[in-house]
Amino acid sequence: MYDPDTVSTPKKTQYGKAVNVGKLCEDTIMKLDEVIYNKDQNVMIYKKEYLFNISTSDTPTGTHRVFIPLNTQGKKTIRMSQFPLVGGN
């Protein structure tokens, strides 16, 4: 979610103001460029490159990552993580 009072940095990015994060997540998972299973952390990593900026002008990037943990933690809901990625793999 976009926060105009927060500056986006390469280590802490945020989505751009006009980005529909829910649709971006769905598109990344359903029309992915690559999926990786991280055995050590038991997590699926979905990768997608977009031809447009999904972040703010402070950290322009079209690289998106969605992490989905596969192990349950008791009765807790499994929470996925997603973010625009700047300068990484």
PDB file of N, CA and C in Angstrom:
ATOM      1  N   MET A   1       0.840  -1.176   0.000  1.00  0.00           N
ATOM      2  CA  MET A   1       0.000   0.000   0.000  1.00  0.00           C
ATOM      3  C   MET A   1       0.884   1.237   0.000  1.00  0.00           C
ATOM      4  N   TYR A   2       0.515   2.208  -0.773  1.00  0.00           N
ATOM      5  CA  TYR A   2       1.298   3.425  -0.939  1.00  0.00           C
ATOM      6  C   TYR A   2       1.151   4.346   0.270  1.00  0.00           C
ATOM      7  N   ASP A   3       2.284   4.846   0.762  1.00  0.00           N
ATOM      8  CA  ASP A   3       2.293   5.806   1.866  1.00  0.00           C
ATOM      9  C   ASP A   3       3.109   7.016   1.417  1.00  0.00           C
ATOM     10  N   PRO A   4       2.466   8.145   1.137  1.00  0.00           N
ATOM     11  CA  PRO A   4       3.186   9.313   0.630  1.00  0.00           C
ATOM     12  C   PRO A   4       4.195   9.886   1.623  1.00  0.00           C
ATOM     13  N   ASP A   5       4.068   9.546   2.896  1.00  0.00           N
ATOM     14  CA  ASP A   5       4.989  10.057   3.911  1.00  0.00           C
ATOM     15  C   ASP A   5       6.228   9.180   4.085  1.00  0.00           C
ATOM     16  N   THR A   6       6.282   8.059   3.373  1.00  0.00           N
ATOM     17  CA  THR A   6       7.412   7.145   3.482  1.00  0.00           C
ATOM     18  C   THR A   6       8.232   7.192   2.202  1.00  0.00           C
ATOM     19  N   VAL A   7       9.541   7.365   2.364  1.00  0.00           N
ATOM     20  CA  VAL A   7      10.443   7.357   1.216  1.00  0.00           C
ATOM     21  C   VAL A   7      10.810   5.913   0.910  1.00  0.00           C
ATOM     22  N   SER A   8      10.665   5.534  -0.336  1.00  0.00           N
ATOM     23  CA  SER A   8      11.024   4.188  -0.769  1.00  0.00           C
ATOM     24  C   SER A   8      12.537   4.120  -0.962  1.00  0.00           C
ATOM     25  N   THR A   9      13.160   3.071  -0.438  1.00  0.00           N
ATOM     26  CA  THR A   9      14.604   2.866  -0.580  1.00  0.00           C
ATOM     27  C   THR A   9      14.844   1.488  -1.189  1.00  0.00           C
ATOM     28  N   PRO A  10      16.045   1.233  -1.714  1.00  0.00           N
ATOM     29  CA  PRO A  10      16.320  -0.096  -2.275  1.00  0.00           C
ATOM     30  C   PRO A  10      16.126  -1.240  -1.280  1.00  0.00           C
ATOM     31  N   LYS A  11      16.304  -0.975   0.010  1.00  0.00           N
ATOM     32  CA  LYS A  11      16.129  -2.027   1.017  1.00  0.00           C
ATOM     33  C   LYS A  11      14.714  -2.075   1.582  1.00  0.00           C
ATOM     34  N   LYS A  12      13.947  -1.020   1.350  1.00  0.00           N
ATOM     35  CA  LYS A  12      12.561  -0.978   1.825  1.00  0.00           C
ATOM     36  C   LYS A  12      11.707  -0.262   0.772  1.00  0.00           C
ATOM     37  N   THR A  13      11.307  -1.034  -0.231  1.00  0.00           N
ATOM     38  CA  THR A  13      10.522  -0.462  -1.322  1.00  0.00           C
ATOM     39  C   THR A  13       9.047  -0.403  -0.952  1.00  0.00           C
ATOM     40  N   GLN A  14       8.322   0.360  -1.728  1.00  0.00           N
ATOM     41  CA  GLN A  14       6.867   0.349  -1.607  1.00  0.00           C
ATOM     42  C   GLN A  14       6.279   0.454  -3.008  1.00  0.00           C
ATOM     43  N   TYR A  15       5.051   0.026  -3.136  1.00  0.00           N
ATOM     44  CA  TYR A  15       4.373   0.072  -4.420  1.00  0.00           C
ATOM     45  C   TYR A  15       4.003   1.504  -4.764  1.00  0.00           C
ATOM     46  N   GLY A  16       3.937   1.787  -6.058  1.00  0.00           N
ATOM     47  CA  GLY A  16       3.520   3.096  -6.524  1.00  0.00           C
ATOM     48  C   GLY A  16       2.062   3.375  -6.191  1.00  0.00           C
ATOM     49  N   LYS A  17       1.711   4.637  -6.206  1.00  0.00           N
ATOM     50  CA  LYS A  17       0.373   5.079  -5.812  1.00  0.00           C
ATOM     51  C   LYS A  17      -0.734   4.440  -6.653  1.00  0.00           C
ATOM     52  N   ALA A  18      -0.526   4.291  -7.947  1.00  0.00           N
ATOM     53  CA  ALA A  18      -1.575   3.793  -8.842  1.00  0.00           C
ATOM     54  C   ALA A  18      -1.525   2.279  -9.052  1.00  0.00           C
ATOM     55  N   VAL A  19      -0.674   1.575  -8.321  1.00  0.00           N
ATOM     56  CA  VAL A  19      -0.517   0.132  -8.510  1.00  0.00           C
ATOM     57  C   VAL A  19      -1.592  -0.628  -7.734  1.00  0.00           C
ATOM     58  N   ASN A  20      -2.298  -1.522  -8.420  1.00  0.00           N
ATOM     59  CA  ASN A  20      -3.276  -2.398  -7.779  1.00  0.00           C
ATOM     60  C   ASN A  20      -2.503  -3.622  -7.284  1.00  0.00           C
ATOM     61  N   VAL A  21      -2.148  -3.625  -6.022  1.00  0.00           N
ATOM     62  CA  VAL A  21      -1.279  -4.653  -5.453  1.00  0.00           C
ATOM     63  C   VAL A  21      -1.913  -6.039  -5.529  1.00  0.00           C
ATOM     64  N   GLY A  22      -3.196  -6.147  -5.299  1.00  0.00           N
ATOM     65  CA  GLY A  22      -3.876  -7.440  -5.371  1.00  0.00           C
ATOM     66  C   GLY A  22      -3.794  -8.056  -6.757  1.00  0.00           C
ATOM     67  N   LYS A  23      -4.053  -7.241  -7.782  1.00  0.00           N
ATOM     68  CA  LYS A  23      -3.982  -7.737  -9.158  1.00  0.00           C
ATOM     69  C   LYS A  23      -2.544  -8.061  -9.548  1.00  0.00           C
ATOM     70  N   LEU A  24      -1.603  -7.266  -9.067  1.00  0.00           N
ATOM     71  CA  LEU A  24      -0.193  -7.514  -9.352  1.00  0.00           C
ATOM     72  C   LEU A  24       0.244  -8.848  -8.756  1.00  0.00           C
ATOM     73  N   CYS A  25      -0.169  -9.127  -7.543  1.00  0.00           N
ATOM     74  CA  CYS A  25       0.151 -10.395  -6.886  1.00  0.00           C
ATOM     75  C   CYS A  25      -0.444 -11.561  -7.668  1.00  0.00           C
ATOM     76  N   GLU A  26      -1.706 -11.442  -8.016  1.00  0.00           N
ATOM     77  CA  GLU A  26      -2.379 -12.506  -8.767  1.00  0.00           C
ATOM     78  C   GLU A  26      -1.688 -12.752 -10.108  1.00  0.00           C
ATOM     79  N   ASP A  27      -1.334 -11.678 -10.803  1.00  0.00           N
ATOM     80  CA  ASP A  27      -0.672 -11.803 -12.099  1.00  0.00           C
ATOM     81  C   ASP A  27       0.709 -12.437 -11.954  1.00  0.00           C
ATOM     82  N   THR A  28       1.430 -12.073 -10.904  1.00  0.00           N
ATOM     83  CA  THR A  28       2.760 -12.632 -10.672  1.00  0.00           C
ATOM     84  C   THR A  28       2.684 -14.133 -10.428  1.00  0.00           C
ATOM     85  N   ILE A  29       1.684 -14.576  -9.696  1.00  0.00           N
ATOM     86  CA  ILE A  29       1.542 -16.006  -9.393  1.00  0.00           C
ATOM     87  C   ILE A  29       1.001 -16.780 -10.599  1.00  0.00           C
ATOM     88  N   MET A  30       0.032 -16.216 -11.296  1.00  0.00           N
ATOM     89  CA  MET A  30      -0.620 -16.939 -12.391  1.00  0.00           C
ATOM     90  C   MET A  30       0.149 -16.873 -13.716  1.00  0.00           C
ATOM     91  N   LYS A  31       0.880 -15.779 -13.942  1.00  0.00           N
ATOM     92  CA  LYS A  31       1.605 -15.596 -15.210  1.00  0.00           C
ATOM     93  C   LYS A  31       3.081 -15.322 -14.928  1.00  0.00           C
ATOM     94  N   LEU A  32       3.662 -16.120 -14.084  1.00  0.00           N
ATOM     95  CA  LEU A  32       5.018 -15.913 -13.601  1.00  0.00           C
ATOM     96  C   LEU A  32       6.064 -16.084 -14.690  1.00  0.00           C
ATOM     97  N   ASP A  33       7.222 -15.483 -14.452  1.00  0.00           N
ATOM     98  CA  ASP A  33       8.390 -15.711 -15.300  1.00  0.00           C
ATOM     99  C   ASP A  33       9.190 -16.897 -14.779  1.00  0.00           C
ATOM    100  N   GLU A  34       9.204 -17.034 -13.452  1.00  0.00           N
ATOM    101  CA  GLU A  34       9.985 -18.107 -12.830  1.00  0.00           C
ATOM    102  C   GLU A  34       9.425 -18.399 -11.442  1.00  0.00           C
ATOM    103  N   VAL A  35       9.503 -19.654 -11.035  1.00  0.00           N
ATOM    104  CA  VAL A  35       9.140 -20.035  -9.669  1.00  0.00           C
ATOM    105  C   VAL A  35      10.295 -20.852  -9.104  1.00  0.00           C
ATOM    106  N   ILE A  36      10.607 -20.601  -7.846  1.00  0.00           N
ATOM    107  CA  ILE A  36      11.707 -21.293  -7.172  1.00  0.00           C
ATOM    108  C   ILE A  36      11.192 -21.839  -5.852  1.00  0.00           C
ATOM    109  N   TYR A  37      11.587 -23.067  -5.550  1.00  0.00           N
ATOM    110  CA  TYR A  37      11.288 -23.636  -4.235  1.00  0.00           C
ATOM    111  C   TYR A  37      12.549 -23.536  -3.391  1.00  0.00           C
ATOM    112  N   ASN A  38      12.481 -22.802  -2.287  1.00  0.00           N
ATOM    113  CA  ASN A  38      13.601 -22.684  -1.362  1.00  0.00           C
ATOM    114  C   ASN A  38      13.419 -23.749  -0.289  1.00  0.00           C
ATOM    115  N   LYS A  39      14.199 -24.811  -0.403  1.00  0.00           N
ATOM    116  CA  LYS A  39      14.068 -25.959   0.496  1.00  0.00           C
ATOM    117  C   LYS A  39      14.412 -25.597   1.943  1.00  0.00           C
ATOM    118  N   ASP A  40      15.438 -24.772   2.128  1.00  0.00           N
ATOM    119  CA  ASP A  40      15.875 -24.411   3.485  1.00  0.00           C
ATOM    120  C   ASP A  40      14.792 -23.676   4.268  1.00  0.00           C
ATOM    121  N   GLN A  41      14.060 -22.809   3.591  1.00  0.00           N
ATOM    122  CA  GLN A  41      13.019 -22.025   4.264  1.00  0.00           C
ATOM    123  C   GLN A  41      11.616 -22.543   3.968  1.00  0.00           C
ATOM    124  N   ASN A  42      11.518 -23.591   3.147  1.00  0.00           N
ATOM    125  CA  ASN A  42      10.236 -24.196   2.765  1.00  0.00           C
ATOM    126  C   ASN A  42       9.256 -23.130   2.260  1.00  0.00           C
ATOM    127  N   VAL A  43       9.702 -22.408   1.241  1.00  0.00           N
ATOM    128  CA  VAL A  43       8.917 -21.301   0.697  1.00  0.00           C
ATOM    129  C   VAL A  43       8.965 -21.337  -0.833  1.00  0.00           C
ATOM    130  N   MET A  44       7.855 -20.958  -1.450  1.00  0.00           N
ATOM    131  CA  MET A  44       7.798 -20.791  -2.903  1.00  0.00           C
ATOM    132  C   MET A  44       8.036 -19.318  -3.211  1.00  0.00           C
ATOM    133  N   ILE A  45       8.878 -19.055  -4.205  1.00  0.00           N
ATOM    134  CA  ILE A  45       9.184 -17.687  -4.610  1.00  0.00           C
ATOM    135  C   ILE A  45       8.748 -17.519  -6.063  1.00  0.00           C
ATOM    136  N   TYR A  46       7.813 -16.624  -6.280  1.00  0.00           N
ATOM    137  CA  TYR A  46       7.314 -16.334  -7.624  1.00  0.00           C
ATOM    138  C   TYR A  46       7.963 -15.044  -8.108  1.00  0.00           C
ATOM    139  N   LYS A  47       8.504 -15.081  -9.334  1.00  0.00           N
ATOM    140  CA  LYS A  47       9.207 -13.930  -9.894  1.00  0.00           C
ATOM    141  C   LYS A  47       8.538 -13.481 -11.187  1.00  0.00           C
ATOM    142  N   LYS A  48       8.464 -12.165 -11.349  1.00  0.00           N
ATOM    143  CA  LYS A  48       7.908 -11.613 -12.591  1.00  0.00           C
ATOM    144  C   LYS A  48       8.543 -10.256 -12.853  1.00  0.00           C
ATOM    145  N   GLU A  49       8.840 -10.013 -14.127  1.00  0.00           N
ATOM    146  CA  GLU A  49       9.374  -8.725 -14.573  1.00  0.00           C
ATOM    147  C   GLU A  49       8.293  -7.999 -15.365  1.00  0.00           C
ATOM    148  N   TYR A  50       8.049  -6.757 -15.019  1.00  0.00           N
ATOM    149  CA  TYR A  50       7.093  -5.926 -15.739  1.00  0.00           C
ATOM    150  C   TYR A  50       7.846  -4.853 -16.520  1.00  0.00           C
ATOM    151  N   LEU A  51       7.255  -4.395 -17.603  1.00  0.00           N
ATOM    152  CA  LEU A  51       7.883  -3.375 -18.439  1.00  0.00           C
ATOM    153  C   LEU A  51       7.551  -1.965 -17.968  1.00  0.00           C
ATOM    154  N   PHE A  52       6.908  -1.864 -16.820  1.00  0.00           N
ATOM    155  CA  PHE A  52       6.540  -0.564 -16.257  1.00  0.00           C
ATOM    156  C   PHE A  52       6.948  -0.531 -14.786  1.00  0.00           C
ATOM    157  N   ASN A  53       6.996   0.665 -14.238  1.00  0.00           N
ATOM    158  CA  ASN A  53       7.407   0.846 -12.850  1.00  0.00           C
ATOM    159  C   ASN A  53       6.276   0.450 -11.899  1.00  0.00           C
ATOM    160  N   ILE A  54       6.548  -0.475 -10.978  1.00  0.00           N
ATOM    161  CA  ILE A  54       5.548  -0.881  -9.981  1.00  0.00           C
ATOM    162  C   ILE A  54       5.829  -0.242  -8.622  1.00  0.00           C
ATOM    163  N   SER A  55       6.944   0.481  -8.524  1.00  0.00           N
ATOM    164  CA  SER A  55       7.348   1.107  -7.266  1.00  0.00           C
ATOM    165  C   SER A  55       7.143   2.622  -7.373  1.00  0.00           C
ATOM    166  N   THR A  56       7.805   3.367  -6.513  1.00  0.00           N
ATOM    167  CA  THR A  56       7.731   4.829  -6.549  1.00  0.00           C
ATOM    168  C   THR A  56       8.846   5.370  -7.433  1.00  0.00           C
ATOM    169  N   SER A  57       8.843   6.664  -7.674  1.00  0.00           N
ATOM    170  CA  SER A  57       9.904   7.275  -8.481  1.00  0.00           C
ATOM    171  C   SER A  57      11.245   7.260  -7.743  1.00  0.00           C
ATOM    172  N   ASP A  58      11.221   7.079  -6.417  1.00  0.00           N
ATOM    173  CA  ASP A  58      12.467   6.976  -5.643  1.00  0.00           C
ATOM    174  C   ASP A  58      13.223   5.692  -5.972  1.00  0.00           C
ATOM    175  N   THR A  59      12.484   4.624  -6.251  1.00  0.00           N
ATOM    176  CA  THR A  59      13.085   3.308  -6.510  1.00  0.00           C
ATOM    177  C   THR A  59      12.382   2.642  -7.693  1.00  0.00           C
ATOM    178  N   PRO A  60      12.536   3.182  -8.892  1.00  0.00           N
ATOM    179  CA  PRO A  60      11.824   2.609 -10.033  1.00  0.00           C
ATOM    180  C   PRO A  60      12.283   1.183 -10.337  1.00  0.00           C
ATOM    181  N   THR A  61      11.325   0.278 -10.481  1.00  0.00           N
ATOM    182  CA  THR A  61      11.616  -1.112 -10.821  1.00  0.00           C
ATOM    183  C   THR A  61      10.362  -1.780 -11.374  1.00  0.00           C
ATOM    184  N   GLY A  62      10.576  -2.744 -12.227  1.00  0.00           N
ATOM    185  CA  GLY A  62       9.482  -3.568 -12.725  1.00  0.00           C
ATOM    186  C   GLY A  62       9.583  -4.983 -12.201  1.00  0.00           C
ATOM    187  N   THR A  63      10.496  -5.207 -11.263  1.00  0.00           N
ATOM    188  CA  THR A  63      10.744  -6.538 -10.714  1.00  0.00           C
ATOM    189  C   THR A  63       9.848  -6.786  -9.507  1.00  0.00           C
ATOM    190  N   HIS A  64       9.105  -7.885  -9.536  1.00  0.00           N
ATOM    191  CA  HIS A  64       8.174  -8.202  -8.456  1.00  0.00           C
ATOM    192  C   HIS A  64       8.455  -9.590  -7.914  1.00  0.00           C
ATOM    193  N   ARG A  65       8.340  -9.745  -6.601  1.00  0.00           N
ATOM    194  CA  ARG A  65       8.529 -11.031  -5.936  1.00  0.00           C
ATOM    195  C   ARG A  65       7.358 -11.303  -4.999  1.00  0.00           C
ATOM    196  N   VAL A  66       6.916 -12.568  -4.983  1.00  0.00           N
ATOM    197  CA  VAL A  66       5.893 -13.025  -4.041  1.00  0.00           C
ATOM    198  C   VAL A  66       6.444 -14.266  -3.360  1.00  0.00           C
ATOM    199  N   PHE A  67       6.487 -14.252  -2.037  1.00  0.00           N
ATOM    200  CA  PHE A  67       6.974 -15.376  -1.237  1.00  0.00           C
ATOM    201  C   PHE A  67       5.787 -16.009  -0.516  1.00  0.00           C
ATOM    202  N   ILE A  68       5.617 -17.319  -0.676  1.00  0.00           N
ATOM    203  CA  ILE A  68       4.532 -18.030   0.002  1.00  0.00           C
ATOM    204  C   ILE A  68       5.129 -19.168   0.821  1.00  0.00           C
ATOM    205  N   PRO A  69       5.088 -19.055   2.164  1.00  0.00           N
ATOM    206  CA  PRO A  69       5.603 -20.139   3.011  1.00  0.00           C
ATOM    207  C   PRO A  69       4.697 -21.361   2.925  1.00  0.00           C
ATOM    208  N   LEU A  70       5.297 -22.538   2.943  1.00  0.00           N
ATOM    209  CA  LEU A  70       4.526 -23.773   2.805  1.00  0.00           C
ATOM    210  C   LEU A  70       4.303 -24.497   4.124  1.00  0.00           C
ATOM    211  N   ASN A  71       4.976 -24.069   5.168  1.00  0.00           N
ATOM    212  CA  ASN A  71       4.780 -24.734   6.460  1.00  0.00           C
ATOM    213  C   ASN A  71       3.827 -23.919   7.335  1.00  0.00           C
ATOM    214  N   THR A  72       2.983 -24.620   8.057  1.00  0.00           N
ATOM    215  CA  THR A  72       2.052 -23.956   8.969  1.00  0.00           C
ATOM    216  C   THR A  72       2.738 -23.716  10.306  1.00  0.00           C
ATOM    217  N   GLN A  73       2.261 -22.726  11.002  1.00  0.00           N
ATOM    218  CA  GLN A  73       2.800 -22.381  12.315  1.00  0.00           C
ATOM    219  C   GLN A  73       1.674 -22.487  13.331  1.00  0.00           C
ATOM    220  N   GLY A  74       1.379 -23.719  13.711  1.00  0.00           N
ATOM    221  CA  GLY A  74       0.273 -23.937  14.638  1.00  0.00           C
ATOM    222  C   GLY A  74      -1.040 -23.568  13.983  1.00  0.00           C
ATOM    223  N   LYS A  75      -1.822 -22.751  14.659  1.00  0.00           N
ATOM    224  CA  LYS A  75      -3.117 -22.325  14.118  1.00  0.00           C
ATOM    225  C   LYS A  75      -3.039 -20.975  13.418  1.00  0.00           C
ATOM    226  N   LYS A  76      -1.822 -20.420  13.324  1.00  0.00           N
ATOM    227  CA  LYS A  76      -1.654 -19.131  12.672  1.00  0.00           C
ATOM    228  C   LYS A  76      -1.922 -19.246  11.175  1.00  0.00           C
ATOM    229  N   THR A  77      -2.459 -18.192  10.619  1.00  0.00           N
ATOM    230  CA  THR A  77      -2.657 -18.115   9.181  1.00  0.00           C
ATOM    231  C   THR A  77      -1.305 -17.933   8.505  1.00  0.00           C
ATOM    232  N   ILE A  78      -1.097 -18.662   7.423  1.00  0.00           N
ATOM    233  CA  ILE A  78       0.142 -18.495   6.666  1.00  0.00           C
ATOM    234  C   ILE A  78       0.065 -17.162   5.933  1.00  0.00           C
ATOM    235  N   ARG A  79       1.074 -16.328   6.138  1.00  0.00           N
ATOM    236  CA  ARG A  79       1.079 -15.010   5.522  1.00  0.00           C
ATOM    237  C   ARG A  79       2.154 -14.943   4.460  1.00  0.00           C
ATOM    238  N   MET A  80       1.756 -14.531   3.286  1.00  0.00           N
ATOM    239  CA  MET A  80       2.722 -14.377   2.219  1.00  0.00           C
ATOM    240  C   MET A  80       3.331 -12.986   2.282  1.00  0.00           C
ATOM    241  N   SER A  81       4.419 -12.819   1.566  1.00  0.00           N
ATOM    242  CA  SER A  81       5.112 -11.543   1.507  1.00  0.00           C
ATOM    243  C   SER A  81       5.310 -11.193   0.036  1.00  0.00           C
ATOM    244  N   GLN A  82       5.162  -9.932  -0.291  1.00  0.00           N
ATOM    245  CA  GLN A  82       5.388  -9.497  -1.667  1.00  0.00           C
ATOM    246  C   GLN A  82       5.952  -8.094  -1.660  1.00  0.00           C
ATOM    247  N   PHE A  83       6.751  -7.793  -2.687  1.00  0.00           N
ATOM    248  CA  PHE A  83       7.373  -6.476  -2.746  1.00  0.00           C
ATOM    249  C   PHE A  83       7.989  -6.222  -4.113  1.00  0.00           C
ATOM    250  N   PRO A  84       8.150  -4.927  -4.474  1.00  0.00           N
ATOM    251  CA  PRO A  84       8.947  -4.587  -5.644  1.00  0.00           C
ATOM    252  C   PRO A  84      10.421  -4.787  -5.272  1.00  0.00           C
ATOM    253  N   LEU A  85      11.200  -5.388  -6.155  1.00  0.00           N
ATOM    254  CA  LEU A  85      12.611  -5.661  -5.870  1.00  0.00           C
ATOM    255  C   LEU A  85      13.477  -4.729  -6.693  1.00  0.00           C
ATOM    256  N   VAL A  86      14.400  -4.044  -6.016  1.00  0.00           N
ATOM    257  CA  VAL A  86      15.321  -3.133  -6.684  1.00  0.00           C
ATOM    258  C   VAL A  86      16.709  -3.746  -6.666  1.00  0.00           C
ATOM    259  N   GLY A  87      17.298  -3.899  -7.832  1.00  0.00           N
ATOM    260  CA  GLY A  87      18.686  -4.340  -7.954  1.00  0.00           C
ATOM    261  C   GLY A  87      19.008  -5.674  -7.333  1.00  0.00           C
ATOM    262  N   GLY A  88      18.239  -6.671  -7.598  1.00  0.00           N
ATOM    263  CA  GLY A  88      18.522  -7.987  -7.031  1.00  0.00           C
ATOM    264  C   GLY A  88      18.095  -9.091  -7.958  1.00  0.00           C
ATOM    265  N   ASN A  89      18.157 -10.289  -7.432  1.00  0.00           N
ATOM    266  CA  ASN A  89      17.750 -11.443  -8.218  1.00  0.00           C
ATOM    267  C   ASN A  89      16.653 -12.097  -7.489  1.00  0.00           C
TER     268      ASN A  89
END
